[in-house]
Structures are given as structure tokens and as C-alpha cells.
């Protein structure tokens, strides 16, 4: 989870991860040289839960570098993202875990997404590279993928649309199974 000046929001986001039904995870919080109290909130959370680790960047480097720093620090076989101003539903990681067990040959999954009161819908059970040519059909917070795919943010200087480029990189390596859950 990259964090930059989210002191007013990040505790709620962290709590949404700690409240997961599935408990066998690591939460890596990357402070991107926040100028507010974000780092202190992250450090306090890490003191309370051994599943949390902190990466503190020496200077503000942007979301892509922060996410890559977290990916490099992670130890798990499966990787998920969460932005510091969003939250997971309590069953998010359980849904992913069950999908992994039920589909051992699959390398990536995505849940549906809520945008306000509107739930995304897909006309296919799998996303392929063709689905990401003209737009970004999946947000990072919906994804879970195998570490062995070695998918990172290749252009760390992108100020916008880095998630779309990441998705395209991922879809060049595998398709994404859509899970019909939010």
C-alpha cells in the first residue's frame, strides 16, 4: 500500500485489511515521504500487528516507485494491491484465496468493483490483453496475481495511468479470471 499524505484516511484503510476473514497475509505499507502524520500512523499500526511492515522512502518518489518498493519487500507467493484511500470488503482476501485453491493453474484474478452504487460487470470470464487496448477494465485494488510472473511498474515516472500500463504488462504474461464478487 503506497501512502502519501493520507493521515486522515490511512487508518481506516489499514483496518479494512486487518479485519479480513482470511488472516494469513502480510501488509506492506510504503510511506512515500509524507509531510503529514502518515508515517507515525503506519508505525503505530505496525507495533500492533506483526503482519505489518513499513518501508519508508527517503524522498517522495511517486506511486510507481512506492509500489515497486513494496513488491520487492514482499515475501508472499500471491500479490494484491490496495490504495491508501480505499478499503477492502471483509471477505476480499478469502475470495481470492478460495479462487486460488479452486483454480491452481490460474495466475491472476480480479474481483468485480463498486463505483459508488454501481457494480462493474464483464461480458467474459477472463480478461486478455485485447481487453486493455482502449481502456483499463480493472483497478489495481481488484487484482491478485502470482509473484512468479514478475510484474512490476515498468515506468516509475508515470504520474497517471500507471495502473493501465501495469495491467497491460500483466496481461501480456497471463489472462485474468474474473471473480463474480465485489
N, C-alpha and C. Protein backbone atom coordinates (compact mmCIF):
# COMPACT_ATOMS: atom_id res chain seq x y z
N UNK A 1 0.83 -1.17 0.00
CA UNK A 1 0.00 0.00 0.00
C UNK A 1 0.89 1.24 0.00
N UNK A 2 0.92 1.98 -1.10
CA UNK A 2 1.66 3.24 -1.11
C UNK A 2 0.88 4.30 -0.33
N UNK A 3 1.60 5.08 0.45
CA UNK A 3 0.95 6.10 1.28
C UNK A 3 1.69 7.42 1.10
N UNK A 4 0.93 8.44 0.75
CA UNK A 4 1.50 9.79 0.69
C UNK A 4 0.45 10.78 1.19
N UNK A 5 0.75 11.37 2.35
CA UNK A 5 -0.12 12.39 2.96
C UNK A 5 -1.57 11.94 3.07
N UNK A 6 -1.76 10.79 3.69
CA UNK A 6 -3.11 10.24 3.89
C UNK A 6 -3.42 10.03 5.36
N UNK A 7 -2.85 10.84 6.22
CA UNK A 7 -3.04 10.67 7.66
C UNK A 7 -4.52 10.65 8.04
N UNK A 8 -5.33 11.38 7.32
CA UNK A 8 -6.76 11.46 7.63
C UNK A 8 -7.55 10.24 7.14
N UNK A 9 -6.94 9.37 6.35
CA UNK A 9 -7.65 8.22 5.76
C UNK A 9 -7.01 6.87 6.01
N UNK A 10 -5.70 6.81 6.14
CA UNK A 10 -4.99 5.55 6.06
C UNK A 10 -5.33 4.57 7.19
N UNK A 11 -5.67 5.05 8.37
CA UNK A 11 -6.00 4.13 9.47
C UNK A 11 -7.23 3.29 9.11
N UNK A 12 -8.21 3.91 8.49
CA UNK A 12 -9.42 3.18 8.07
C UNK A 12 -9.07 2.14 7.01
N UNK A 13 -8.18 2.49 6.10
CA UNK A 13 -7.75 1.55 5.06
C UNK A 13 -7.01 0.37 5.67
N UNK A 14 -6.09 0.65 6.57
CA UNK A 14 -5.36 -0.42 7.27
C UNK A 14 -6.33 -1.32 8.02
N UNK A 15 -7.29 -0.72 8.71
CA UNK A 15 -8.27 -1.50 9.46
C UNK A 15 -9.06 -2.43 8.55
N UNK A 16 -9.32 -2.01 7.31
CA UNK A 16 -10.06 -2.88 6.39
C UNK A 16 -9.27 -4.13 6.03
N UNK A 17 -7.95 -4.03 6.06
CA UNK A 17 -7.11 -5.20 5.80
C UNK A 17 -7.03 -6.07 7.06
N UNK A 18 -6.84 -5.44 8.19
CA UNK A 18 -6.73 -6.21 9.44
C UNK A 18 -8.04 -6.90 9.81
N UNK A 19 -9.15 -6.43 9.27
CA UNK A 19 -10.47 -7.03 9.55
C UNK A 19 -10.81 -8.17 8.59
N UNK A 20 -9.87 -8.58 7.75
CA UNK A 20 -10.14 -9.64 6.78
C UNK A 20 -10.46 -10.96 7.47
N UNK A 21 -11.42 -11.71 6.91
CA UNK A 21 -11.71 -13.06 7.39
C UNK A 21 -10.48 -13.94 7.24
N UNK A 22 -9.80 -13.82 6.11
CA UNK A 22 -8.56 -14.55 5.84
C UNK A 22 -7.44 -13.79 6.54
N UNK A 23 -6.68 -14.49 7.38
CA UNK A 23 -5.73 -13.79 8.24
C UNK A 23 -4.26 -14.02 7.90
N UNK A 24 -3.96 -14.91 6.98
CA UNK A 24 -2.57 -15.25 6.67
C UNK A 24 -2.06 -14.38 5.53
N UNK A 25 -1.72 -13.15 5.84
CA UNK A 25 -1.24 -12.19 4.85
C UNK A 25 -0.15 -11.32 5.46
N UNK A 26 0.56 -10.63 4.59
CA UNK A 26 1.47 -9.58 5.04
C UNK A 26 0.97 -8.28 4.44
N UNK A 27 1.03 -7.23 5.21
CA UNK A 27 0.63 -5.91 4.75
C UNK A 27 1.86 -5.02 4.75
N UNK A 28 2.25 -4.60 3.57
CA UNK A 28 3.43 -3.74 3.44
C UNK A 28 2.96 -2.33 3.16
N UNK A 29 3.31 -1.43 4.06
CA UNK A 29 2.93 -0.03 3.95
C UNK A 29 4.16 0.75 3.54
N UNK A 30 4.06 1.49 2.44
CA UNK A 30 5.21 2.25 1.93
C UNK A 30 4.92 3.72 2.09
N UNK A 31 5.63 4.37 3.00
CA UNK A 31 5.47 5.82 3.15
C UNK A 31 6.35 6.50 2.12
N UNK A 32 5.72 7.28 1.24
CA UNK A 32 6.41 7.96 0.15
C UNK A 32 6.82 9.37 0.58
N UNK A 33 7.50 9.43 1.73
CA UNK A 33 8.00 10.69 2.31
C UNK A 33 6.85 11.68 2.54
N UNK A 34 5.83 11.21 3.26
CA UNK A 34 4.70 12.07 3.60
C UNK A 34 5.16 13.24 4.44
N UNK A 35 4.50 14.37 4.25
CA UNK A 35 4.81 15.56 5.06
C UNK A 35 3.79 15.76 6.17
N UNK A 36 2.79 14.87 6.25
CA UNK A 36 1.83 14.93 7.34
C UNK A 36 2.17 13.83 8.35
N UNK A 37 1.23 13.38 9.12
CA UNK A 37 1.47 12.40 10.19
C UNK A 37 1.31 10.95 9.71
N UNK A 38 1.28 10.73 8.41
CA UNK A 38 1.05 9.38 7.87
C UNK A 38 2.04 8.35 8.41
N UNK A 39 3.34 8.67 8.38
CA UNK A 39 4.34 7.70 8.81
C UNK A 39 4.12 7.27 10.26
N UNK A 40 3.79 8.20 11.13
CA UNK A 40 3.54 7.84 12.54
C UNK A 40 2.35 6.90 12.67
N UNK A 41 1.32 7.11 11.86
CA UNK A 41 0.15 6.22 11.89
C UNK A 41 0.55 4.83 11.41
N UNK A 42 1.38 4.76 10.38
CA UNK A 42 1.85 3.46 9.89
C UNK A 42 2.68 2.75 10.94
N UNK A 43 3.58 3.47 11.58
CA UNK A 43 4.44 2.88 12.60
C UNK A 43 3.62 2.36 13.79
N UNK A 44 2.61 3.11 14.18
CA UNK A 44 1.74 2.67 15.29
C UNK A 44 0.99 1.40 14.89
N UNK A 45 0.52 1.33 13.67
CA UNK A 45 -0.19 0.13 13.20
C UNK A 45 0.75 -1.07 13.21
N UNK A 46 2.00 -0.87 12.77
CA UNK A 46 2.97 -1.97 12.73
C UNK A 46 3.31 -2.47 14.14
N UNK A 47 3.30 -1.58 15.12
CA UNK A 47 3.56 -2.01 16.51
C UNK A 47 2.47 -2.95 17.02
N UNK A 48 1.26 -2.79 16.50
CA UNK A 48 0.11 -3.54 16.99
C UNK A 48 -0.12 -4.86 16.26
N UNK A 49 0.50 -5.02 15.08
CA UNK A 49 0.23 -6.23 14.31
C UNK A 49 1.50 -6.67 13.58
N UNK A 50 1.95 -7.87 13.86
CA UNK A 50 3.21 -8.38 13.30
C UNK A 50 3.13 -8.64 11.79
N UNK A 51 1.93 -8.66 11.23
CA UNK A 51 1.77 -8.87 9.78
C UNK A 51 2.08 -7.62 8.97
N UNK A 52 2.26 -6.50 9.67
CA UNK A 52 2.52 -5.22 9.01
C UNK A 52 4.00 -4.91 9.01
N UNK A 53 4.51 -4.51 7.86
CA UNK A 53 5.88 -4.00 7.79
C UNK A 53 5.85 -2.66 7.06
N UNK A 54 6.86 -1.85 7.34
CA UNK A 54 6.91 -0.49 6.82
C UNK A 54 8.15 -0.32 5.95
N UNK A 55 7.95 0.34 4.83
CA UNK A 55 9.05 0.83 4.01
C UNK A 55 8.91 2.34 4.02
N UNK A 56 9.97 3.03 4.40
CA UNK A 56 9.94 4.49 4.44
C UNK A 56 10.93 5.03 3.42
N UNK A 57 10.41 5.63 2.36
CA UNK A 57 11.27 6.15 1.31
C UNK A 57 11.92 7.46 1.76
N UNK A 58 13.17 7.65 1.38
CA UNK A 58 13.94 8.82 1.82
C UNK A 58 13.46 10.11 1.17
N UNK A 59 12.85 9.99 -0.01
CA UNK A 59 12.29 11.16 -0.68
C UNK A 59 11.04 10.74 -1.42
N UNK A 60 10.16 11.69 -1.68
CA UNK A 60 8.94 11.41 -2.40
C UNK A 60 9.29 10.98 -3.83
N UNK A 61 8.83 9.77 -4.19
CA UNK A 61 9.19 9.22 -5.50
C UNK A 61 7.99 8.85 -6.35
N UNK A 62 6.78 8.97 -5.82
CA UNK A 62 5.58 8.67 -6.59
C UNK A 62 5.08 7.25 -6.38
N UNK A 63 3.83 7.05 -6.79
CA UNK A 63 3.14 5.76 -6.56
C UNK A 63 3.86 4.56 -7.16
N UNK A 64 4.39 4.71 -8.37
CA UNK A 64 5.01 3.56 -9.03
C UNK A 64 6.24 3.07 -8.28
N UNK A 65 7.10 3.98 -7.91
CA UNK A 65 8.29 3.56 -7.15
C UNK A 65 7.90 3.02 -5.79
N UNK A 66 6.90 3.63 -5.16
CA UNK A 66 6.45 3.14 -3.86
C UNK A 66 5.90 1.72 -3.99
N UNK A 67 5.07 1.49 -4.98
CA UNK A 67 4.52 0.14 -5.18
C UNK A 67 5.62 -0.87 -5.49
N UNK A 68 6.58 -0.49 -6.34
CA UNK A 68 7.69 -1.40 -6.63
C UNK A 68 8.50 -1.71 -5.38
N UNK A 69 8.70 -0.72 -4.52
CA UNK A 69 9.42 -0.97 -3.25
C UNK A 69 8.66 -1.99 -2.41
N UNK A 70 7.36 -1.90 -2.38
CA UNK A 70 6.56 -2.87 -1.64
C UNK A 70 6.61 -4.25 -2.27
N UNK A 71 6.54 -4.31 -3.59
CA UNK A 71 6.63 -5.60 -4.28
C UNK A 71 7.97 -6.27 -4.00
N UNK A 72 9.04 -5.49 -4.00
CA UNK A 72 10.37 -6.06 -3.73
C UNK A 72 10.51 -6.54 -2.30
N UNK A 73 9.82 -5.92 -1.38
CA UNK A 73 9.90 -6.32 0.04
C UNK A 73 9.01 -7.52 0.35
N UNK A 74 7.98 -7.72 -0.44
CA UNK A 74 7.01 -8.76 -0.14
C UNK A 74 7.62 -10.16 -0.22
N UNK A 75 7.04 -11.06 0.56
CA UNK A 75 7.55 -12.43 0.61
C UNK A 75 6.53 -13.46 0.11
N UNK A 76 5.29 -13.04 -0.07
CA UNK A 76 4.23 -13.97 -0.43
C UNK A 76 4.31 -14.46 -1.86
N UNK A 77 3.65 -15.58 -2.12
CA UNK A 77 3.57 -16.13 -3.47
C UNK A 77 2.52 -15.41 -4.32
N UNK A 78 1.57 -14.75 -3.67
CA UNK A 78 0.50 -14.03 -4.35
C UNK A 78 0.51 -12.59 -3.88
N UNK A 79 0.23 -11.66 -4.81
CA UNK A 79 0.32 -10.23 -4.51
C UNK A 79 -1.00 -9.53 -4.81
N UNK A 80 -1.38 -8.62 -3.93
CA UNK A 80 -2.57 -7.79 -4.09
C UNK A 80 -2.18 -6.35 -3.83
N UNK A 81 -2.99 -5.43 -4.31
CA UNK A 81 -2.77 -4.01 -4.09
C UNK A 81 -3.94 -3.41 -3.32
N UNK A 82 -3.67 -2.32 -2.65
CA UNK A 82 -4.73 -1.51 -2.05
C UNK A 82 -4.20 -0.10 -1.94
N UNK A 83 -4.96 0.85 -2.47
CA UNK A 83 -4.58 2.26 -2.34
C UNK A 83 -4.94 2.76 -0.95
N UNK A 84 -4.23 3.76 -0.49
CA UNK A 84 -4.37 4.23 0.89
C UNK A 84 -5.65 5.01 1.15
N UNK A 85 -6.44 5.25 0.13
CA UNK A 85 -7.73 5.92 0.33
C UNK A 85 -8.91 5.02 -0.02
N UNK A 86 -8.67 3.71 -0.10
CA UNK A 86 -9.71 2.74 -0.40
C UNK A 86 -9.80 1.73 0.74
N UNK A 87 -10.69 0.76 0.59
CA UNK A 87 -10.85 -0.28 1.61
C UNK A 87 -11.26 -1.58 0.95
N UNK A 88 -10.88 -2.67 1.58
CA UNK A 88 -11.33 -3.99 1.14
C UNK A 88 -12.63 -4.34 1.87
N UNK A 89 -13.50 -5.10 1.18
CA UNK A 89 -14.60 -5.73 1.88
C UNK A 89 -13.99 -6.80 2.79
N UNK A 90 -14.63 -7.15 3.91
CA UNK A 90 -14.04 -8.12 4.85
C UNK A 90 -13.74 -9.49 4.25
N UNK A 91 -14.38 -9.85 3.16
CA UNK A 91 -14.16 -11.16 2.55
C UNK A 91 -13.25 -11.11 1.32
N UNK A 92 -12.63 -9.98 1.02
CA UNK A 92 -11.83 -9.84 -0.20
C UNK A 92 -10.73 -10.89 -0.30
N UNK A 93 -9.91 -11.01 0.72
CA UNK A 93 -8.80 -11.98 0.66
C UNK A 93 -9.30 -13.43 0.70
N UNK A 94 -10.41 -13.67 1.37
CA UNK A 94 -11.00 -15.01 1.38
C UNK A 94 -11.44 -15.40 -0.02
N UNK A 95 -12.07 -14.48 -0.73
CA UNK A 95 -12.49 -14.74 -2.10
C UNK A 95 -11.29 -15.07 -2.97
N UNK A 96 -10.23 -14.29 -2.83
CA UNK A 96 -9.02 -14.55 -3.61
C UNK A 96 -8.42 -15.91 -3.25
N UNK A 97 -8.32 -16.21 -1.97
CA UNK A 97 -7.73 -17.47 -1.52
C UNK A 97 -8.53 -18.67 -2.05
N UNK A 98 -9.83 -18.60 -1.96
CA UNK A 98 -10.66 -19.70 -2.47
C UNK A 98 -10.51 -19.86 -3.97
N UNK A 99 -10.40 -18.75 -4.69
CA UNK A 99 -10.20 -18.82 -6.14
C UNK A 99 -8.86 -19.46 -6.47
N UNK A 100 -7.84 -19.13 -5.72
CA UNK A 100 -6.51 -19.72 -5.93
C UNK A 100 -6.57 -21.24 -5.73
N UNK A 101 -7.22 -21.68 -4.66
CA UNK A 101 -7.33 -23.11 -4.39
C UNK A 101 -8.16 -23.82 -5.46
N UNK A 102 -9.21 -23.19 -5.93
CA UNK A 102 -10.11 -23.81 -6.89
C UNK A 102 -9.57 -23.78 -8.32
N UNK A 103 -8.58 -22.93 -8.58
CA UNK A 103 -8.04 -22.77 -9.93
C UNK A 103 -6.51 -22.78 -9.89
N UNK A 104 -5.91 -23.92 -9.57
CA UNK A 104 -4.46 -23.95 -9.36
C UNK A 104 -3.62 -23.59 -10.58
N UNK A 105 -4.17 -23.69 -11.78
CA UNK A 105 -3.40 -23.35 -12.98
C UNK A 105 -3.53 -21.87 -13.36
N UNK A 106 -4.40 -21.14 -12.65
CA UNK A 106 -4.64 -19.73 -12.97
C UNK A 106 -3.61 -18.84 -12.27
N UNK A 107 -3.10 -17.82 -12.98
CA UNK A 107 -2.04 -16.95 -12.44
C UNK A 107 -2.52 -15.59 -11.95
N UNK A 108 -3.77 -15.20 -12.27
CA UNK A 108 -4.24 -13.88 -11.85
C UNK A 108 -5.77 -13.87 -11.76
N UNK A 109 -6.25 -13.09 -10.82
CA UNK A 109 -7.69 -12.97 -10.56
C UNK A 109 -8.05 -11.50 -10.37
N UNK A 110 -9.32 -11.19 -10.60
CA UNK A 110 -9.84 -9.86 -10.28
C UNK A 110 -11.28 -10.00 -9.83
N UNK A 111 -11.62 -9.28 -8.79
CA UNK A 111 -13.00 -9.23 -8.33
C UNK A 111 -13.73 -8.14 -9.11
N UNK A 112 -15.03 -8.11 -8.97
CA UNK A 112 -15.80 -7.00 -9.50
C UNK A 112 -15.50 -5.77 -8.66
N UNK A 113 -15.94 -4.62 -9.11
CA UNK A 113 -15.65 -3.39 -8.40
C UNK A 113 -16.92 -2.57 -8.24
N UNK A 114 -17.03 -1.89 -7.11
CA UNK A 114 -18.11 -0.93 -6.90
C UNK A 114 -17.60 0.46 -7.21
N UNK A 115 -18.35 1.19 -8.01
CA UNK A 115 -18.07 2.60 -8.27
C UNK A 115 -19.29 3.35 -7.79
N UNK A 116 -19.22 3.87 -6.56
CA UNK A 116 -20.42 4.42 -5.94
C UNK A 116 -21.38 3.28 -5.67
N UNK A 117 -22.57 3.34 -6.24
CA UNK A 117 -23.56 2.27 -6.08
C UNK A 117 -23.62 1.35 -7.29
N UNK A 118 -22.73 1.56 -8.26
CA UNK A 118 -22.76 0.78 -9.49
C UNK A 118 -21.67 -0.29 -9.45
N UNK A 119 -22.08 -1.54 -9.67
CA UNK A 119 -21.12 -2.64 -9.71
C UNK A 119 -20.67 -2.87 -11.14
N UNK A 120 -19.39 -3.10 -11.32
CA UNK A 120 -18.89 -3.41 -12.66
C UNK A 120 -19.48 -4.73 -13.13
N UNK A 121 -19.56 -4.88 -14.41
CA UNK A 121 -19.98 -6.16 -14.97
C UNK A 121 -19.09 -6.43 -16.18
N UNK A 122 -18.84 -7.70 -16.44
CA UNK A 122 -17.99 -8.10 -17.55
C UNK A 122 -18.76 -9.07 -18.42
N UNK A 123 -18.49 -9.03 -19.71
CA UNK A 123 -19.14 -9.94 -20.66
C UNK A 123 -18.32 -11.21 -20.87
N UNK A 124 -17.29 -11.37 -20.08
CA UNK A 124 -16.39 -12.52 -20.23
C UNK A 124 -15.96 -12.99 -18.84
N UNK A 125 -15.51 -14.22 -18.77
CA UNK A 125 -14.99 -14.75 -17.51
C UNK A 125 -13.50 -14.49 -17.34
N UNK A 126 -12.84 -14.10 -18.44
CA UNK A 126 -11.40 -13.84 -18.42
C UNK A 126 -11.11 -12.54 -19.16
N UNK A 127 -10.17 -11.79 -18.66
CA UNK A 127 -9.65 -10.62 -19.36
C UNK A 127 -8.36 -11.01 -20.05
N UNK A 128 -8.19 -10.53 -21.28
CA UNK A 128 -6.96 -10.76 -22.04
C UNK A 128 -6.40 -9.41 -22.45
N UNK A 129 -5.25 -9.42 -23.07
CA UNK A 129 -4.60 -8.18 -23.48
C UNK A 129 -5.51 -7.34 -24.37
N UNK A 130 -6.34 -7.97 -25.16
CA UNK A 130 -7.26 -7.24 -26.04
C UNK A 130 -8.22 -6.36 -25.24
N UNK A 131 -8.55 -6.79 -24.04
CA UNK A 131 -9.48 -6.02 -23.19
C UNK A 131 -8.86 -4.74 -22.65
N UNK A 132 -7.55 -4.63 -22.68
CA UNK A 132 -6.87 -3.46 -22.12
C UNK A 132 -6.26 -2.55 -23.19
N UNK A 133 -6.67 -2.73 -24.43
CA UNK A 133 -6.10 -1.92 -25.51
C UNK A 133 -6.64 -0.50 -25.47
N UNK A 134 -7.94 -0.32 -25.34
CA UNK A 134 -8.53 1.02 -25.41
C UNK A 134 -8.96 1.56 -24.06
N UNK A 135 -8.82 0.79 -23.01
CA UNK A 135 -9.20 1.27 -21.70
C UNK A 135 -8.73 0.33 -20.61
N UNK A 136 -8.92 0.76 -19.39
CA UNK A 136 -8.48 -0.01 -18.24
C UNK A 136 -9.70 -0.65 -17.58
N UNK A 137 -9.94 -1.93 -17.83
CA UNK A 137 -11.14 -2.58 -17.31
C UNK A 137 -11.07 -2.99 -15.84
N UNK A 138 -9.88 -2.95 -15.23
CA UNK A 138 -9.71 -3.43 -13.86
C UNK A 138 -8.85 -2.45 -13.08
N UNK A 139 -9.27 -2.14 -11.88
CA UNK A 139 -8.47 -1.31 -11.00
C UNK A 139 -7.49 -2.20 -10.22
N UNK A 140 -6.37 -1.63 -9.82
CA UNK A 140 -5.35 -2.41 -9.09
C UNK A 140 -5.90 -3.07 -7.84
N UNK A 141 -6.80 -2.40 -7.14
CA UNK A 141 -7.33 -2.95 -5.89
C UNK A 141 -8.13 -4.23 -6.09
N UNK A 142 -8.50 -4.54 -7.32
CA UNK A 142 -9.27 -5.73 -7.63
C UNK A 142 -8.39 -6.94 -7.92
N UNK A 143 -7.09 -6.71 -8.14
CA UNK A 143 -6.18 -7.74 -8.64
C UNK A 143 -5.54 -8.59 -7.56
N UNK A 144 -5.23 -9.82 -7.94
CA UNK A 144 -4.37 -10.72 -7.19
C UNK A 144 -3.63 -11.55 -8.23
N UNK A 145 -2.31 -11.60 -8.13
CA UNK A 145 -1.54 -12.33 -9.15
C UNK A 145 -0.33 -13.00 -8.52
N UNK A 146 0.18 -14.02 -9.24
CA UNK A 146 1.33 -14.78 -8.76
C UNK A 146 2.61 -13.96 -8.85
N UNK A 147 3.38 -14.00 -7.79
CA UNK A 147 4.67 -13.32 -7.75
C UNK A 147 5.57 -13.77 -8.89
N UNK A 148 5.54 -15.06 -9.22
CA UNK A 148 6.45 -15.61 -10.23
C UNK A 148 6.26 -14.97 -11.60
N UNK A 149 5.19 -14.23 -11.81
CA UNK A 149 5.00 -13.50 -13.07
C UNK A 149 5.96 -12.32 -13.19
N UNK A 150 6.52 -11.91 -12.06
CA UNK A 150 7.48 -10.80 -12.01
C UNK A 150 6.96 -9.57 -12.75
N UNK A 151 5.80 -9.14 -12.35
CA UNK A 151 5.18 -7.97 -12.96
C UNK A 151 5.35 -6.77 -12.03
N UNK A 152 5.99 -5.74 -12.54
CA UNK A 152 6.26 -4.52 -11.77
C UNK A 152 5.81 -3.31 -12.57
N UNK A 153 5.94 -2.16 -11.97
CA UNK A 153 5.62 -0.90 -12.64
C UNK A 153 6.86 -0.49 -13.43
N UNK A 154 6.80 -0.71 -14.75
CA UNK A 154 8.00 -0.57 -15.58
C UNK A 154 8.42 0.88 -15.81
N UNK A 155 7.47 1.80 -15.82
CA UNK A 155 7.81 3.22 -15.94
C UNK A 155 7.46 3.90 -14.63
N UNK A 156 8.44 4.01 -13.76
CA UNK A 156 8.20 4.53 -12.42
C UNK A 156 7.91 6.02 -12.38
N UNK A 157 8.05 6.71 -13.49
CA UNK A 157 7.83 8.15 -13.53
C UNK A 157 6.45 8.55 -14.03
N UNK A 158 5.61 7.59 -14.37
CA UNK A 158 4.28 7.92 -14.87
C UNK A 158 3.46 8.58 -13.75
N UNK A 159 2.93 9.77 -13.98
CA UNK A 159 2.11 10.41 -12.94
C UNK A 159 0.65 9.94 -12.97
N UNK A 160 0.19 9.43 -14.12
CA UNK A 160 -1.18 8.92 -14.26
C UNK A 160 -1.17 7.68 -15.14
N UNK A 161 -2.24 6.94 -15.06
CA UNK A 161 -2.47 5.74 -15.89
C UNK A 161 -1.43 4.65 -15.68
N UNK A 162 -0.71 4.69 -14.58
CA UNK A 162 0.27 3.64 -14.30
C UNK A 162 -0.40 2.30 -14.09
N UNK A 163 -1.64 2.32 -13.57
CA UNK A 163 -2.36 1.07 -13.37
C UNK A 163 -2.74 0.42 -14.70
N UNK A 164 -3.04 1.23 -15.70
CA UNK A 164 -3.37 0.71 -17.02
C UNK A 164 -2.14 0.06 -17.66
N UNK A 165 -0.99 0.71 -17.55
CA UNK A 165 0.24 0.13 -18.08
C UNK A 165 0.58 -1.16 -17.34
N UNK A 166 0.43 -1.17 -16.01
CA UNK A 166 0.69 -2.37 -15.23
C UNK A 166 -0.23 -3.51 -15.69
N UNK A 167 -1.50 -3.21 -15.86
CA UNK A 167 -2.45 -4.23 -16.30
C UNK A 167 -2.05 -4.80 -17.65
N UNK A 168 -1.63 -3.95 -18.55
CA UNK A 168 -1.19 -4.43 -19.86
C UNK A 168 0.04 -5.34 -19.74
N UNK A 169 0.97 -4.96 -18.88
CA UNK A 169 2.15 -5.81 -18.64
C UNK A 169 1.72 -7.17 -18.09
N UNK A 170 0.79 -7.15 -17.16
CA UNK A 170 0.31 -8.40 -16.57
C UNK A 170 -0.41 -9.25 -17.62
N UNK A 171 -1.24 -8.61 -18.45
CA UNK A 171 -2.00 -9.36 -19.45
C UNK A 171 -1.14 -9.87 -20.60
N UNK A 172 0.06 -9.34 -20.76
CA UNK A 172 0.99 -9.92 -21.72
C UNK A 172 1.55 -11.25 -21.22
N UNK A 173 1.46 -11.46 -19.91
CA UNK A 173 2.00 -12.68 -19.30
C UNK A 173 0.94 -13.74 -18.99
N UNK A 174 -0.30 -13.29 -18.77
CA UNK A 174 -1.35 -14.22 -18.38
C UNK A 174 -2.71 -13.57 -18.61
N UNK A 175 -3.76 -14.36 -18.59
CA UNK A 175 -5.09 -13.77 -18.58
C UNK A 175 -5.53 -13.61 -17.11
N UNK A 176 -6.61 -12.90 -16.91
CA UNK A 176 -7.11 -12.65 -15.55
C UNK A 176 -8.50 -13.24 -15.44
N UNK A 177 -8.68 -14.14 -14.51
CA UNK A 177 -10.00 -14.73 -14.27
C UNK A 177 -10.82 -13.74 -13.45
N UNK A 178 -12.02 -13.44 -13.95
CA UNK A 178 -12.93 -12.54 -13.25
C UNK A 178 -13.72 -13.34 -12.22
N UNK A 179 -13.71 -12.87 -10.99
CA UNK A 179 -14.49 -13.48 -9.93
C UNK A 179 -15.75 -12.65 -9.76
N UNK A 180 -16.87 -13.27 -9.79
CA UNK A 180 -18.14 -12.54 -9.77
C UNK A 180 -18.56 -12.13 -8.37
N UNK A 181 -17.64 -11.45 -7.71
CA UNK A 181 -17.88 -10.93 -6.36
C UNK A 181 -17.26 -9.54 -6.27
N UNK A 182 -17.83 -8.71 -5.42
CA UNK A 182 -17.22 -7.41 -5.15
C UNK A 182 -16.30 -7.52 -3.96
